[in-house]
PDB file of all heavy atoms in Angstrom:
ATOM      1  N   TRP A   1     -11.784  -3.638   1.355  1.00  0.00           N
ATOM      2  CA  TRP A   1     -10.909  -4.611   0.701  1.00  0.00           C
ATOM      3  C   TRP A   1      -9.968  -3.851  -0.307  1.00  0.00           C
ATOM      4  O   TRP A   1      -8.766  -4.205  -0.329  1.00  0.00           O
ATOM      5  CB  TRP A   1     -11.747  -5.636  -0.074  1.00  0.00           C
ATOM      6  CG  TRP A   1     -10.975  -6.752  -0.659  1.00  0.00           C
ATOM      7  CD1 TRP A   1     -10.643  -7.904  -0.038  1.00  0.00           C
ATOM      8  CD2 TRP A   1     -10.286  -6.788  -1.941  1.00  0.00           C
ATOM      9  NE1 TRP A   1      -9.788  -8.666  -0.896  1.00  0.00           N
ATOM     10  CE2 TRP A   1      -9.628  -7.971  -2.055  1.00  0.00           C
ATOM     11  CE3 TRP A   1     -10.304  -5.842  -2.980  1.00  0.00           C
ATOM     12  CZ2 TRP A   1      -8.920  -8.310  -3.235  1.00  0.00           C
ATOM     13  CZ3 TRP A   1      -9.592  -6.211  -4.155  1.00  0.00           C
ATOM     14  CH2 TRP A   1      -8.899  -7.452  -4.240  1.00  0.00           C
ATOM     15  N   LEU A   2     -10.509  -2.892  -1.018  1.00  0.00           N
ATOM     16  CA  LEU A   2      -9.692  -2.192  -1.959  1.00  0.00           C
ATOM     17  C   LEU A   2      -8.675  -1.253  -1.231  1.00  0.00           C
ATOM     18  O   LEU A   2      -7.578  -1.128  -1.686  1.00  0.00           O
ATOM     19  CB  LEU A   2     -10.557  -1.378  -2.884  1.00  0.00           C
ATOM     20  CG  LEU A   2     -11.355  -2.173  -3.951  1.00  0.00           C
ATOM     21  CD1 LEU A   2     -12.242  -1.246  -4.749  1.00  0.00           C
ATOM     22  CD2 LEU A   2     -10.413  -2.872  -4.905  1.00  0.00           C
ATOM     23  N   CYS A   3      -9.070  -0.678  -0.107  1.00  0.00           N
ATOM     24  CA  CYS A   3      -8.127   0.089   0.726  1.00  0.00           C
ATOM     25  C   CYS A   3      -6.890  -0.815   1.106  1.00  0.00           C
ATOM     26  O   CYS A   3      -5.754  -0.375   1.007  1.00  0.00           O
ATOM     27  CB  CYS A   3      -8.741   0.614   1.944  1.00  0.00           C
ATOM     28  SG  CYS A   3      -9.940   1.943   1.685  1.00  0.00           S
ATOM     29  N   THR A   4      -7.226  -1.986   1.554  1.00  0.00           N
ATOM     30  CA  THR A   4      -6.227  -2.928   1.913  1.00  0.00           C
ATOM     31  C   THR A   4      -5.338  -3.339   0.769  1.00  0.00           C
ATOM     32  O   THR A   4      -4.049  -3.474   0.852  1.00  0.00           O
ATOM     33  CB  THR A   4      -6.778  -4.148   2.587  1.00  0.00           C
ATOM     34  OG1 THR A   4      -7.586  -3.732   3.739  1.00  0.00           O
ATOM     35  CG2 THR A   4      -5.717  -5.119   3.128  1.00  0.00           C
ATOM     36  N   ALA A   5      -5.942  -3.580  -0.398  1.00  0.00           N
ATOM     37  CA  ALA A   5      -5.208  -3.935  -1.615  1.00  0.00           C
ATOM     38  C   ALA A   5      -4.258  -2.811  -2.049  1.00  0.00           C
ATOM     39  O   ALA A   5      -3.074  -3.123  -2.349  1.00  0.00           O
ATOM     40  CB  ALA A   5      -6.148  -4.172  -2.762  1.00  0.00           C
ATOM     41  N   VAL A   6      -4.642  -1.579  -1.927  1.00  0.00           N
ATOM     42  CA  VAL A   6      -3.764  -0.438  -2.245  1.00  0.00           C
ATOM     43  C   VAL A   6      -2.624  -0.388  -1.219  1.00  0.00           C
ATOM     44  O   VAL A   6      -1.410  -0.218  -1.589  1.00  0.00           O
ATOM     45  CB  VAL A   6      -4.472   0.903  -2.315  1.00  0.00           C
ATOM     46  CG1 VAL A   6      -3.530   2.042  -2.567  1.00  0.00           C
ATOM     47  CG2 VAL A   6      -5.615   0.887  -3.372  1.00  0.00           C
ATOM     48  N   GLY A   7      -2.980  -0.592   0.042  1.00  0.00           N
ATOM     49  CA  GLY A   7      -1.940  -0.612   1.027  1.00  0.00           C
ATOM     50  C   GLY A   7      -0.921  -1.716   0.840  1.00  0.00           C
ATOM     51  O   GLY A   7       0.315  -1.497   0.949  1.00  0.00           O
ATOM     52  N   ASP A   8      -1.358  -2.869   0.459  1.00  0.00           N
ATOM     53  CA  ASP A   8      -0.461  -3.993   0.133  1.00  0.00           C
ATOM     54  C   ASP A   8       0.552  -3.650  -1.016  1.00  0.00           C
ATOM     55  O   ASP A   8       1.689  -4.007  -0.961  1.00  0.00           O
ATOM     56  CB  ASP A   8      -1.198  -5.239  -0.216  1.00  0.00           C
ATOM     57  CG  ASP A   8      -1.889  -5.965   0.952  1.00  0.00           C
ATOM     58  OD1 ASP A   8      -1.495  -5.592   2.114  1.00  0.00           O
ATOM     59  OD2 ASP A   8      -2.735  -6.791   0.809  1.00  0.00           O
ATOM     60  N   SER A   9      -0.015  -2.962  -2.044  1.00  0.00           N
ATOM     61  CA  SER A   9       0.811  -2.630  -3.183  1.00  0.00           C
ATOM     62  C   SER A   9       1.957  -1.647  -2.798  1.00  0.00           C
ATOM     63  O   SER A   9       3.028  -1.726  -3.281  1.00  0.00           O
ATOM     64  CB  SER A   9      -0.051  -2.073  -4.337  1.00  0.00           C
ATOM     65  OG  SER A   9      -0.615  -0.820  -3.998  1.00  0.00           O
ATOM     66  N   TYR A  10       1.591  -0.671  -1.870  1.00  0.00           N
ATOM     67  CA  TYR A  10       2.632   0.240  -1.392  1.00  0.00           C
ATOM     68  C   TYR A  10       3.602  -0.468  -0.466  1.00  0.00           C
ATOM     69  O   TYR A  10       4.809  -0.178  -0.481  1.00  0.00           O
ATOM     70  CB  TYR A  10       1.976   1.403  -0.655  1.00  0.00           C
ATOM     71  CG  TYR A  10       1.535   2.493  -1.591  1.00  0.00           C
ATOM     72  CD1 TYR A  10       0.183   2.726  -1.925  1.00  0.00           C
ATOM     73  CD2 TYR A  10       2.451   3.365  -2.172  1.00  0.00           C
ATOM     74  CE1 TYR A  10      -0.265   3.734  -2.753  1.00  0.00           C
ATOM     75  CE2 TYR A  10       2.086   4.373  -3.057  1.00  0.00           C
ATOM     76  CZ  TYR A  10       0.714   4.551  -3.363  1.00  0.00           C
ATOM     77  OH  TYR A  10       0.323   5.594  -4.245  1.00  0.00           O
ATOM     78  N   ARG A  11       3.094  -1.359   0.355  1.00  0.00           N
ATOM     79  CA  ARG A  11       4.014  -2.063   1.332  1.00  0.00           C
ATOM     80  C   ARG A  11       5.007  -2.921   0.552  1.00  0.00           C
ATOM     81  O   ARG A  11       6.184  -3.041   0.924  1.00  0.00           O
ATOM     82  CB  ARG A  11       3.172  -2.911   2.280  1.00  0.00           C
ATOM     83  CG  ARG A  11       4.053  -3.758   3.242  1.00  0.00           C
ATOM     84  CD  ARG A  11       3.174  -4.432   4.283  1.00  0.00           C
ATOM     85  NE  ARG A  11       2.212  -5.334   3.701  1.00  0.00           N
ATOM     86  CZ  ARG A  11       2.499  -6.608   3.309  1.00  0.00           C
ATOM     87  NH1 ARG A  11       3.713  -7.091   3.444  1.00  0.00           N
ATOM     88  NH2 ARG A  11       1.561  -7.356   2.819  1.00  0.00           N
ATOM     89  N   LYS A  12       4.514  -3.561  -0.573  1.00  0.00           N
ATOM     90  CA  LYS A  12       5.405  -4.461  -1.266  1.00  0.00           C
ATOM     91  C   LYS A  12       6.104  -3.810  -2.494  1.00  0.00           C
ATOM     92  O   LYS A  12       7.066  -4.365  -3.077  1.00  0.00           O
ATOM     93  CB  LYS A  12       4.545  -5.583  -1.860  1.00  0.00           C
ATOM     94  CG  LYS A  12       3.869  -6.489  -0.776  1.00  0.00           C
ATOM     95  CD  LYS A  12       2.913  -7.467  -1.474  1.00  0.00           C
ATOM     96  CE  LYS A  12       2.208  -8.318  -0.423  1.00  0.00           C
ATOM     97  NZ  LYS A  12       1.232  -9.249  -1.068  1.00  0.00           N
ATOM     98  N   GLY A  13       5.697  -2.568  -2.762  1.00  0.00           N
ATOM     99  CA  GLY A  13       6.342  -1.849  -3.903  1.00  0.00           C
ATOM    100  C   GLY A  13       5.986  -2.516  -5.231  1.00  0.00           C
ATOM    101  O   GLY A  13       6.897  -2.736  -6.062  1.00  0.00           O
ATOM    102  N   ILE A  14       4.728  -2.798  -5.511  1.00  0.00           N
ATOM    103  CA  ILE A  14       4.297  -3.503  -6.701  1.00  0.00           C
ATOM    104  C   ILE A  14       3.145  -2.690  -7.345  1.00  0.00           C
ATOM    105  O   ILE A  14       2.717  -1.640  -6.826  1.00  0.00           O
ATOM    106  CB  ILE A  14       3.767  -4.886  -6.397  1.00  0.00           C
ATOM    107  CG1 ILE A  14       2.591  -4.928  -5.345  1.00  0.00           C
ATOM    108  CG2 ILE A  14       4.938  -5.805  -5.850  1.00  0.00           C
ATOM    109  CD1 ILE A  14       1.956  -6.253  -5.194  1.00  0.00           C
ATOM    110  N   ASP A  15       2.694  -3.204  -8.534  1.00  0.00           N
ATOM    111  CA  ASP A  15       1.593  -2.583  -9.213  1.00  0.00           C
ATOM    112  C   ASP A  15       1.809  -1.082  -9.612  1.00  0.00           C
ATOM    113  O   ASP A  15       0.910  -0.270  -9.538  1.00  0.00           O
ATOM    114  CB  ASP A  15       0.244  -2.736  -8.471  1.00  0.00           C
ATOM    115  CG  ASP A  15      -0.140  -4.199  -8.273  1.00  0.00           C
ATOM    116  OD1 ASP A  15       0.333  -5.007  -9.109  1.00  0.00           O
ATOM    117  OD2 ASP A  15      -0.932  -4.491  -7.392  1.00  0.00           O
ATOM    118  N   GLY A  16       3.086  -0.775  -9.859  1.00  0.00           N
ATOM    119  CA  GLY A  16       3.397   0.581 -10.254  1.00  0.00           C
ATOM    120  C   GLY A  16       3.567   1.562  -9.115  1.00  0.00           C
ATOM    121  O   GLY A  16       3.801   2.739  -9.266  1.00  0.00           O
ATOM    122  N   HIS A  17       3.603   1.055  -7.849  1.00  0.00           N
ATOM    123  CA  HIS A  17       3.778   1.887  -6.685  1.00  0.00           C
ATOM    124  C   HIS A  17       5.169   1.645  -6.098  1.00  0.00           C
ATOM    125  O   HIS A  17       5.661   0.569  -6.097  1.00  0.00           O
ATOM    126  CB  HIS A  17       2.751   1.623  -5.629  1.00  0.00           C
ATOM    127  CG  HIS A  17       1.349   1.894  -5.973  1.00  0.00           C
ATOM    128  ND1 HIS A  17       0.898   3.111  -6.349  1.00  0.00           N
ATOM    129  CD2 HIS A  17       0.272   1.050  -6.082  1.00  0.00           C
ATOM    130  CE1 HIS A  17      -0.403   3.054  -6.641  1.00  0.00           C
ATOM    131  NE2 HIS A  17      -0.805   1.841  -6.529  1.00  0.00           N
ATOM    132  N   SER A  18       5.757   2.747  -5.601  1.00  0.00           N
ATOM    133  CA  SER A  18       7.037   2.649  -4.931  1.00  0.00           C
ATOM    134  C   SER A  18       6.748   2.115  -3.507  1.00  0.00           C
ATOM    135  O   SER A  18       5.762   2.442  -2.943  1.00  0.00           O
ATOM    136  CB  SER A  18       7.776   3.945  -4.842  1.00  0.00           C
ATOM    137  OG  SER A  18       8.076   4.419  -6.190  1.00  0.00           O
ATOM    138  N   GLU A  19       7.730   1.378  -2.960  1.00  0.00           N
ATOM    139  CA  GLU A  19       7.535   0.895  -1.544  1.00  0.00           C
ATOM    140  C   GLU A  19       7.518   2.094  -0.622  1.00  0.00           C
ATOM    141  O   GLU A  19       8.377   2.923  -0.587  1.00  0.00           O
ATOM    142  CB  GLU A  19       8.747   0.027  -1.218  1.00  0.00           C
ATOM    143  CG  GLU A  19       8.632  -0.611   0.210  1.00  0.00           C
ATOM    144  CD  GLU A  19       9.847  -1.503   0.477  1.00  0.00           C
ATOM    145  OE1 GLU A  19       9.893  -2.607  -0.043  1.00  0.00           O
ATOM    146  OE2 GLU A  19      10.732  -0.993   1.255  1.00  0.00           O
ATOM    147  N   ASP A  20       6.449   2.093   0.136  1.00  0.00           N
ATOM    148  CA  ASP A  20       6.283   3.213   1.141  1.00  0.00           C
ATOM    149  C   ASP A  20       5.431   2.711   2.304  1.00  0.00           C
ATOM    150  O   ASP A  20       4.173   2.587   2.221  1.00  0.00           O
ATOM    151  CB  ASP A  20       5.598   4.402   0.452  1.00  0.00           C
ATOM    152  CG  ASP A  20       5.659   5.645   1.275  1.00  0.00           C
ATOM    153  OD1 ASP A  20       5.485   5.547   2.517  1.00  0.00           O
ATOM    154  OD2 ASP A  20       5.864   6.739   0.745  1.00  0.00           O
ATOM    155  N   TYR A  21       6.035   2.325   3.424  1.00  0.00           N
ATOM    156  CA  TYR A  21       5.331   1.803   4.499  1.00  0.00           C
ATOM    157  C   TYR A  21       4.333   2.766   5.162  1.00  0.00           C
ATOM    158  O   TYR A  21       3.235   2.392   5.632  1.00  0.00           O
ATOM    159  CB  TYR A  21       6.282   1.331   5.582  1.00  0.00           C
ATOM    160  CG  TYR A  21       7.042   0.088   5.228  1.00  0.00           C
ATOM    161  CD1 TYR A  21       8.408  -0.007   5.461  1.00  0.00           C
ATOM    162  CD2 TYR A  21       6.471  -1.041   4.665  1.00  0.00           C
ATOM    163  CE1 TYR A  21       9.192  -1.175   5.171  1.00  0.00           C
ATOM    164  CE2 TYR A  21       7.202  -2.170   4.382  1.00  0.00           C
ATOM    165  CZ  TYR A  21       8.508  -2.266   4.576  1.00  0.00           C
ATOM    166  OH  TYR A  21       9.224  -3.345   4.269  1.00  0.00           O
ATOM    167  N   ALA A  22       4.710   4.046   5.143  1.00  0.00           N
ATOM    168  CA  ALA A  22       3.847   5.068   5.788  1.00  0.00           C
ATOM    169  C   ALA A  22       2.506   5.184   5.013  1.00  0.00           C
ATOM    170  O   ALA A  22       1.497   5.258   5.554  1.00  0.00           O
ATOM    171  CB  ALA A  22       4.549   6.370   5.898  1.00  0.00           C
ATOM    172  N   VAL A  23       2.660   5.245   3.691  1.00  0.00           N
ATOM    173  CA  VAL A  23       1.457   5.315   2.814  1.00  0.00           C
ATOM    174  C   VAL A  23       0.631   4.044   2.934  1.00  0.00           C
ATOM    175  O   VAL A  23      -0.589   4.119   3.027  1.00  0.00           O
ATOM    176  CB  VAL A  23       1.868   5.558   1.380  1.00  0.00           C
ATOM    177  CG1 VAL A  23       0.628   5.507   0.464  1.00  0.00           C
ATOM    178  CG2 VAL A  23       2.562   6.970   1.227  1.00  0.00           C
ATOM    179  N   ALA A  24       1.316   2.906   2.948  1.00  0.00           N
ATOM    180  CA  ALA A  24       0.616   1.666   3.158  1.00  0.00           C
ATOM    181  C   ALA A  24      -0.197   1.640   4.432  1.00  0.00           C
ATOM    182  O   ALA A  24      -1.366   1.272   4.435  1.00  0.00           O
ATOM    183  CB  ALA A  24       1.603   0.482   3.176  1.00  0.00           C
ATOM    184  N   LEU A  25       0.417   2.136   5.511  1.00  0.00           N
ATOM    185  CA  LEU A  25      -0.277   2.170   6.800  1.00  0.00           C
ATOM    186  C   LEU A  25      -1.523   3.040   6.747  1.00  0.00           C
ATOM    187  O   LEU A  25      -2.572   2.713   7.327  1.00  0.00           O
ATOM    188  CB  LEU A  25       0.656   2.592   7.889  1.00  0.00           C
ATOM    189  CG  LEU A  25       0.140   2.707   9.313  1.00  0.00           C
ATOM    190  CD1 LEU A  25      -0.465   1.316   9.772  1.00  0.00           C
ATOM    191  CD2 LEU A  25       1.206   3.138  10.274  1.00  0.00           C
ATOM    192  N   SER A  26      -1.441   4.195   6.028  1.00  0.00           N
ATOM    193  CA  SER A  26      -2.581   5.044   5.952  1.00  0.00           C
ATOM    194  C   SER A  26      -3.814   4.364   5.322  1.00  0.00           C
ATOM    195  O   SER A  26      -4.931   4.606   5.739  1.00  0.00           O
ATOM    196  CB  SER A  26      -2.256   6.339   5.147  1.00  0.00           C
ATOM    197  OG  SER A  26      -2.011   6.031   3.743  1.00  0.00           O
ATOM    198  N   TYR A  27      -3.496   3.507   4.351  1.00  0.00           N
ATOM    199  CA  TYR A  27      -4.612   2.718   3.705  1.00  0.00           C
ATOM    200  C   TYR A  27      -5.130   1.629   4.635  1.00  0.00           C
ATOM    201  O   TYR A  27      -6.340   1.392   4.741  1.00  0.00           O
ATOM    202  CB  TYR A  27      -4.157   2.123   2.409  1.00  0.00           C
ATOM    203  CG  TYR A  27      -4.144   3.130   1.250  1.00  0.00           C
ATOM    204  CD1 TYR A  27      -2.916   3.797   0.866  1.00  0.00           C
ATOM    205  CD2 TYR A  27      -5.274   3.503   0.572  1.00  0.00           C
ATOM    206  CE1 TYR A  27      -2.878   4.744  -0.147  1.00  0.00           C
ATOM    207  CE2 TYR A  27      -5.257   4.459  -0.454  1.00  0.00           C
ATOM    208  CZ  TYR A  27      -4.056   5.031  -0.837  1.00  0.00           C
ATOM    209  OH  TYR A  27      -4.071   5.965  -1.804  1.00  0.00           O
ATOM    210  N   TYR A  28      -4.212   0.950   5.370  1.00  0.00           N
ATOM    211  CA  TYR A  28      -4.662  -0.005   6.294  1.00  0.00           C
ATOM    212  C   TYR A  28      -5.550   0.623   7.430  1.00  0.00           C
ATOM    213  O   TYR A  28      -6.565   0.022   7.843  1.00  0.00           O
ATOM    214  CB  TYR A  28      -3.437  -0.675   6.983  1.00  0.00           C
ATOM    215  CG  TYR A  28      -2.634  -1.531   6.023  1.00  0.00           C
ATOM    216  CD1 TYR A  28      -1.294  -1.731   6.270  1.00  0.00           C
ATOM    217  CD2 TYR A  28      -3.204  -2.065   4.920  1.00  0.00           C
ATOM    218  CE1 TYR A  28      -0.471  -2.438   5.440  1.00  0.00           C
ATOM    219  CE2 TYR A  28      -2.421  -2.862   4.004  1.00  0.00           C
ATOM    220  CZ  TYR A  28      -1.014  -3.013   4.264  1.00  0.00           C
ATOM    221  OH  TYR A  28      -0.262  -3.772   3.454  1.00  0.00           O
ATOM    222  N   ASP A  29      -5.114   1.811   7.837  1.00  0.00           N
ATOM    223  CA  ASP A  29      -5.914   2.466   8.909  1.00  0.00           C
ATOM    224  C   ASP A  29      -7.290   2.916   8.401  1.00  0.00           C
ATOM    225  O   ASP A  29      -8.290   2.838   9.111  1.00  0.00           O
ATOM    226  CB  ASP A  29      -5.118   3.671   9.417  1.00  0.00           C
ATOM    227  CG  ASP A  29      -3.958   3.334  10.361  1.00  0.00           C
ATOM    228  OD1 ASP A  29      -3.956   2.169  10.769  1.00  0.00           O
ATOM    229  OD2 ASP A  29      -3.132   4.202  10.626  1.00  0.00           O
TER     230      ASP A  29
END
């Protein structure tokens, strides 16, 4: 659940993270 939450924050560019689809995907995987 937390891996997915971090991925979501990178995908959306929120919670202090810059938008980065590749990084988001690594957390989803």
